[in-house]
Protein backbone atom coordinates (compact mmCIF):
# COMPACT_ATOMS: atom_id res chain seq x y z
CA UNK A 1 0.00 0.00 0.00
CA UNK A 2 1.59 3.33 -1.10
CA UNK A 3 2.34 5.94 1.52
CA UNK A 4 2.05 3.40 4.30
CA UNK A 5 4.46 2.01 6.84
CA UNK A 6 3.74 -1.26 8.61
CA UNK A 7 5.16 -2.31 11.96
CA UNK A 8 4.40 -5.38 14.03
CA UNK A 9 5.05 -5.94 17.73
CA UNK A 10 4.76 -9.18 19.65
CA UNK A 11 3.12 -8.71 23.02
CA UNK A 12 5.32 -11.35 24.59
CA UNK A 13 2.56 -13.73 25.68
CA UNK A 14 3.22 -17.30 24.58
CA UNK A 15 1.42 -20.21 26.17
CA UNK A 16 2.28 -23.86 25.69
CA UNK A 17 -0.04 -26.65 26.78
CA UNK A 18 -0.38 -30.37 26.26
CA UNK A 19 -3.32 -32.57 27.18
CA UNK A 20 -3.17 -36.34 26.96
CA UNK A 21 -6.09 -38.05 25.28
CA UNK A 22 -5.91 -40.74 27.93
CA UNK A 23 -5.95 -38.23 30.78
CA UNK A 24 -2.29 -37.28 30.84
CA UNK A 25 -1.79 -33.91 32.58
CA UNK A 26 -0.21 -30.73 31.20
CA UNK A 27 3.45 -31.13 30.26
CA UNK A 28 5.97 -29.07 32.19
CA UNK A 29 8.31 -26.63 30.42
CA UNK A 30 6.99 -27.49 26.96
CA UNK A 31 8.32 -31.07 27.06
CA UNK A 32 7.45 -33.33 24.15
CA UNK A 33 4.09 -35.02 24.30
CA UNK A 34 3.58 -38.68 23.52
CA UNK A 35 2.05 -39.68 20.21
CA UNK A 36 -1.45 -39.58 21.67
CA UNK A 37 -1.10 -36.16 23.24
CA UNK A 38 -2.63 -32.96 21.91
CA UNK A 39 -0.58 -29.82 22.37
CA UNK A 40 -1.35 -26.18 21.70
CA UNK A 41 0.71 -23.04 21.31
CA UNK A 42 -1.01 -19.71 22.05
CA UNK A 43 0.52 -16.46 20.87
CA UNK A 44 -0.60 -12.85 21.29
CA UNK A 45 0.71 -10.32 18.79
CA UNK A 46 -0.08 -6.86 17.51
CA UNK A 47 0.28 -5.15 14.17
CA UNK A 48 0.14 -1.51 13.17
CA UNK A 49 -0.12 0.32 9.88
CA UNK A 50 0.45 4.03 9.25
CA UNK A 51 -0.98 6.15 6.45
CA UNK A 52 -1.52 9.76 5.54
CA UNK A 53 -4.83 11.10 6.92
CA UNK A 54 -7.72 11.74 4.56
CA UNK A 55 -9.68 13.96 6.95
CA UNK A 56 -8.87 17.12 8.91
CA UNK A 57 -11.08 18.37 11.74
CA UNK A 58 -10.95 22.04 12.72
CA UNK A 59 -12.41 22.96 16.12
CA UNK A 60 -13.92 26.44 16.35
CA UNK A 61 -16.34 28.35 18.56
CA UNK A 62 -18.44 31.48 18.25
CA UNK A 63 -19.68 33.64 21.12
CA UNK A 64 -22.34 36.32 21.61
CA UNK A 65 -23.15 38.58 24.56
CA UNK A 66 -26.30 40.44 25.56
CA UNK A 67 -28.05 41.88 28.65
CA UNK A 68 -30.36 38.86 28.82
CA UNK A 69 -30.17 35.19 27.88
CA UNK A 70 -32.77 35.38 25.14
CA UNK A 71 -30.97 38.15 23.30
CA UNK A 72 -27.64 36.38 23.71
CA UNK A 73 -28.93 33.18 22.13
CA UNK A 74 -30.52 35.13 19.27
CA UNK A 75 -27.25 36.88 18.52
CA UNK A 76 -25.41 33.60 18.77
CA UNK A 77 -27.75 31.99 16.25
CA UNK A 78 -27.02 34.78 13.77
CA UNK A 79 -23.26 34.55 14.36
CA UNK A 80 -23.28 30.77 14.03
CA UNK A 81 -25.24 30.99 10.78
CA UNK A 82 -22.66 33.37 9.34
CA UNK A 83 -19.88 31.01 10.36
CA UNK A 84 -21.59 27.97 8.82
CA UNK A 85 -22.19 29.84 5.56
CA UNK A 86 -18.50 30.71 5.35
CA UNK A 87 -17.55 27.05 5.39
CA UNK A 88 -19.62 26.43 2.29
CA UNK A 89 -17.48 28.67 0.12
CA UNK A 90 -13.91 28.43 -1.12
CA UNK A 91 -12.18 25.14 -1.83
CA UNK A 92 -12.60 23.84 1.69
CA UNK A 93 -14.26 20.52 0.75
CA UNK A 94 -16.21 20.57 4.01
CA UNK A 95 -17.82 17.21 4.67
CA UNK A 96 -19.68 18.09 7.87
CA UNK A 97 -20.14 20.80 10.49
CA UNK A 98 -21.17 19.32 13.84
CA UNK A 99 -22.06 21.13 17.04
CA UNK A 100 -19.85 19.86 19.85
CA UNK A 101 -20.99 22.21 22.60
CA UNK A 102 -23.57 24.87 23.48
CA UNK A 103 -23.52 26.93 26.65
CA UNK A 104 -25.26 30.00 28.06
CA UNK A 105 -23.95 31.50 31.26
CA UNK A 106 -24.21 34.62 33.36
CA UNK A 107 -21.25 36.92 33.76
CA UNK A 108 -21.07 39.70 36.35
CA UNK A 109 -18.60 42.54 36.30
CA UNK A 110 -18.77 45.63 38.55
CA UNK A 111 -22.45 45.13 39.18
CA UNK A 112 -23.31 44.63 35.52
CA UNK A 113 -24.81 41.32 34.45
CA UNK A 114 -24.11 40.03 30.96
CA UNK A 115 -25.25 36.78 29.42
CA UNK A 116 -22.77 34.92 27.26
CA UNK A 117 -23.83 32.26 24.75
CA UNK A 118 -21.29 30.06 23.01
CA UNK A 119 -21.55 27.35 20.38
CA UNK A 120 -18.60 25.19 19.36
CA UNK A 121 -18.19 23.19 16.17
CA UNK A 122 -16.10 20.41 14.68
CA UNK A 123 -15.62 21.15 10.98
CA UNK A 124 -14.48 18.14 8.96
CA UNK A 125 -12.87 18.51 5.56
CA UNK A 126 -11.79 15.88 3.04
CA UNK A 127 -9.01 18.22 1.91
CA UNK A 128 -6.40 18.04 4.65
CA UNK A 129 -4.38 20.84 3.08
CA UNK A 130 -7.36 23.19 3.55
CA UNK A 131 -7.16 23.14 7.36
CA UNK A 132 -5.26 26.42 7.54
CA UNK A 133 -7.63 28.12 5.10
CA UNK A 134 -10.59 26.94 7.17
CA UNK A 135 -9.11 28.57 10.25
CA UNK A 136 -8.62 31.81 8.35
CA UNK A 137 -12.22 31.68 7.13
CA UNK A 138 -13.51 30.99 10.62
CA UNK A 139 -11.64 33.93 12.14
CA UNK A 140 -12.74 36.24 9.31
CA UNK A 141 -16.38 35.29 9.87
CA UNK A 142 -16.72 35.75 13.59
CA UNK A 143 -15.11 32.76 15.28
CA UNK A 144 -14.01 33.77 18.75
CA UNK A 145 -12.01 30.64 19.55
CA UNK A 146 -9.92 28.19 17.53
CA UNK A 147 -9.62 24.94 19.45
CA UNK A 148 -7.07 23.38 17.12
CA UNK A 149 -6.85 20.85 14.31
CA UNK A 150 -6.68 17.07 14.29
CA UNK A 151 -5.98 14.76 11.38
CA UNK A 152 -7.80 11.47 11.11
CA UNK A 153 -9.22 8.86 8.74
CA UNK A 154 -12.55 8.15 7.13
CA UNK A 155 -14.25 5.03 8.47
CA UNK A 156 -13.72 3.19 5.17
CA UNK A 157 -10.01 4.01 5.15
CA UNK A 158 -9.67 3.05 8.81
CA UNK A 159 -11.27 -0.35 8.20
CA UNK A 160 -8.95 -0.99 5.24
CA UNK A 161 -5.92 -0.20 7.37
CA UNK A 162 -7.23 -2.29 10.26
CA UNK A 163 -7.47 -5.28 7.91
CA UNK A 164 -3.83 -4.72 6.94
CA UNK A 165 -2.86 -4.42 10.61
CA UNK A 166 -4.61 -7.71 11.39
CA UNK A 167 -2.80 -9.38 8.47
CA UNK A 168 0.52 -8.14 9.82
CA UNK A 169 -0.29 -9.35 13.34
CA UNK A 170 -1.38 -12.79 12.09
CA UNK A 171 1.82 -13.19 10.06
CA UNK A 172 3.93 -12.30 13.05
CA UNK A 173 1.94 -14.58 15.35
CA UNK A 174 2.52 -17.50 12.98
CA UNK A 175 6.24 -16.76 12.82
CA UNK A 176 6.52 -16.56 16.61
CA UNK A 177 4.47 -19.72 17.12
CA UNK A 178 6.70 -21.63 14.68
CA UNK A 179 9.78 -20.47 16.59
CA UNK A 180 8.25 -21.66 19.86
CA UNK A 181 7.26 -25.00 18.35
CA UNK A 182 10.74 -25.56 16.93
CA UNK A 183 12.39 -24.82 20.26
CA UNK A 184 10.09 -27.20 22.17
CA UNK A 185 10.12 -30.18 19.83
CA UNK A 186 6.67 -29.64 18.35
CA UNK A 187 5.29 -29.39 14.83
CA UNK A 188 2.80 -26.58 14.39
CA UNK A 189 -0.57 -27.56 12.95
CA UNK A 190 -3.86 -25.87 12.19
CA UNK A 191 -5.40 -22.92 14.01
CA UNK A 192 -7.56 -23.97 16.95
CA UNK A 193 -8.96 -20.54 17.82
CA UNK A 194 -8.38 -16.90 17.04
CA UNK A 195 -9.59 -13.61 18.51
CA UNK A 196 -8.92 -10.03 17.47
CA UNK A 197 -9.01 -6.69 19.20
CA UNK A 198 -8.46 -3.04 18.42
CA UNK A 199 -5.11 -1.70 19.41
CA UNK A 200 -6.48 1.81 19.00
CA UNK A 201 -5.60 4.62 16.63
CA UNK A 202 -2.77 7.04 17.09
CA UNK A 203 -4.20 10.22 15.63
CA UNK A 204 -1.97 13.13 14.74
CA UNK A 205 -1.74 15.62 17.59
CA UNK A 206 -3.92 18.69 17.49
CA UNK A 207 -2.32 21.92 16.49
CA UNK A 208 -3.00 24.71 18.95
CA UNK A 209 -4.74 27.95 18.11
CA UNK A 210 -1.46 29.84 18.20
CA UNK A 211 0.01 27.76 15.37
CA UNK A 212 0.42 29.14 11.89
CA UNK A 213 -2.46 28.57 9.54
CA UNK A 214 -0.17 26.68 7.18
CA UNK A 215 -0.56 23.26 8.75
CA UNK A 216 1.08 20.01 7.70
CA UNK A 217 -0.71 16.72 8.25
CA UNK A 218 1.04 13.87 10.05
CA UNK A 219 0.49 10.12 9.55
CA UNK A 220 -2.22 8.28 11.46
CA UNK A 221 -1.48 4.81 12.83
CA UNK A 222 -4.11 2.08 13.12
CA UNK A 223 -3.36 -0.93 15.33
CA UNK A 224 -4.91 -4.35 15.89
CA UNK A 225 -4.18 -7.28 18.18
CA UNK A 226 -4.66 -11.01 17.71
CA UNK A 227 -4.53 -14.02 19.97
CA UNK A 228 -4.15 -17.30 18.10
CA UNK A 229 -4.04 -20.84 19.43
CA UNK A 230 -2.40 -23.42 17.16
CA UNK A 231 -2.67 -27.17 17.43
CA UNK A 232 0.71 -28.88 17.65
CA UNK A 233 2.07 -32.42 17.68
CA UNK A 234 5.28 -33.86 19.10
CA UNK A 235 8.09 -34.53 16.63
């Protein structure tokens, strides 16, 4: 896969067991089983794949103030509408604008009461190079806070990378299990059981509001874990 780095890490959990068909107990220290014994080798491994992000998320907020709560929310609605409209222009390739927070609170200063209303948004673009331009547009159209930028992956892209991460983990698990089998006098057989888990995503760190609006995307890493039990027979 172009633009992608793969790395695999073994978690270090290897289990060896042997059960005699005729009731023989577990073998100590991976000793060879008799011809009628069934042995297993269990390995846990993880794989990770990195790729360039295909989504950028810009976090912005807009604020309005007024002598009463009703007026503050009305002004906020107008300000938020202006901000949303701005994201529809240019070459921003905005995929979605989602509200992430909405607050109205009372602020007192020298006996004067003011109501402050604030709405925050997560603006997702499919053009990662447009993140800086989106920030400029937000500031020019009334945004009062820039929460930063994060780079991430579409769900389809994430699932593709997760499949690759699982493949890498499975390959490494097989290699490790074969090494264990060779060192304990066993021949590795078929897979007895397998389970998978998400190792989590390492998403590129947000860029703070004081960063320049020319922002470079960093790779995103998707990880997966596997636990595989192999049947094995004594040599």
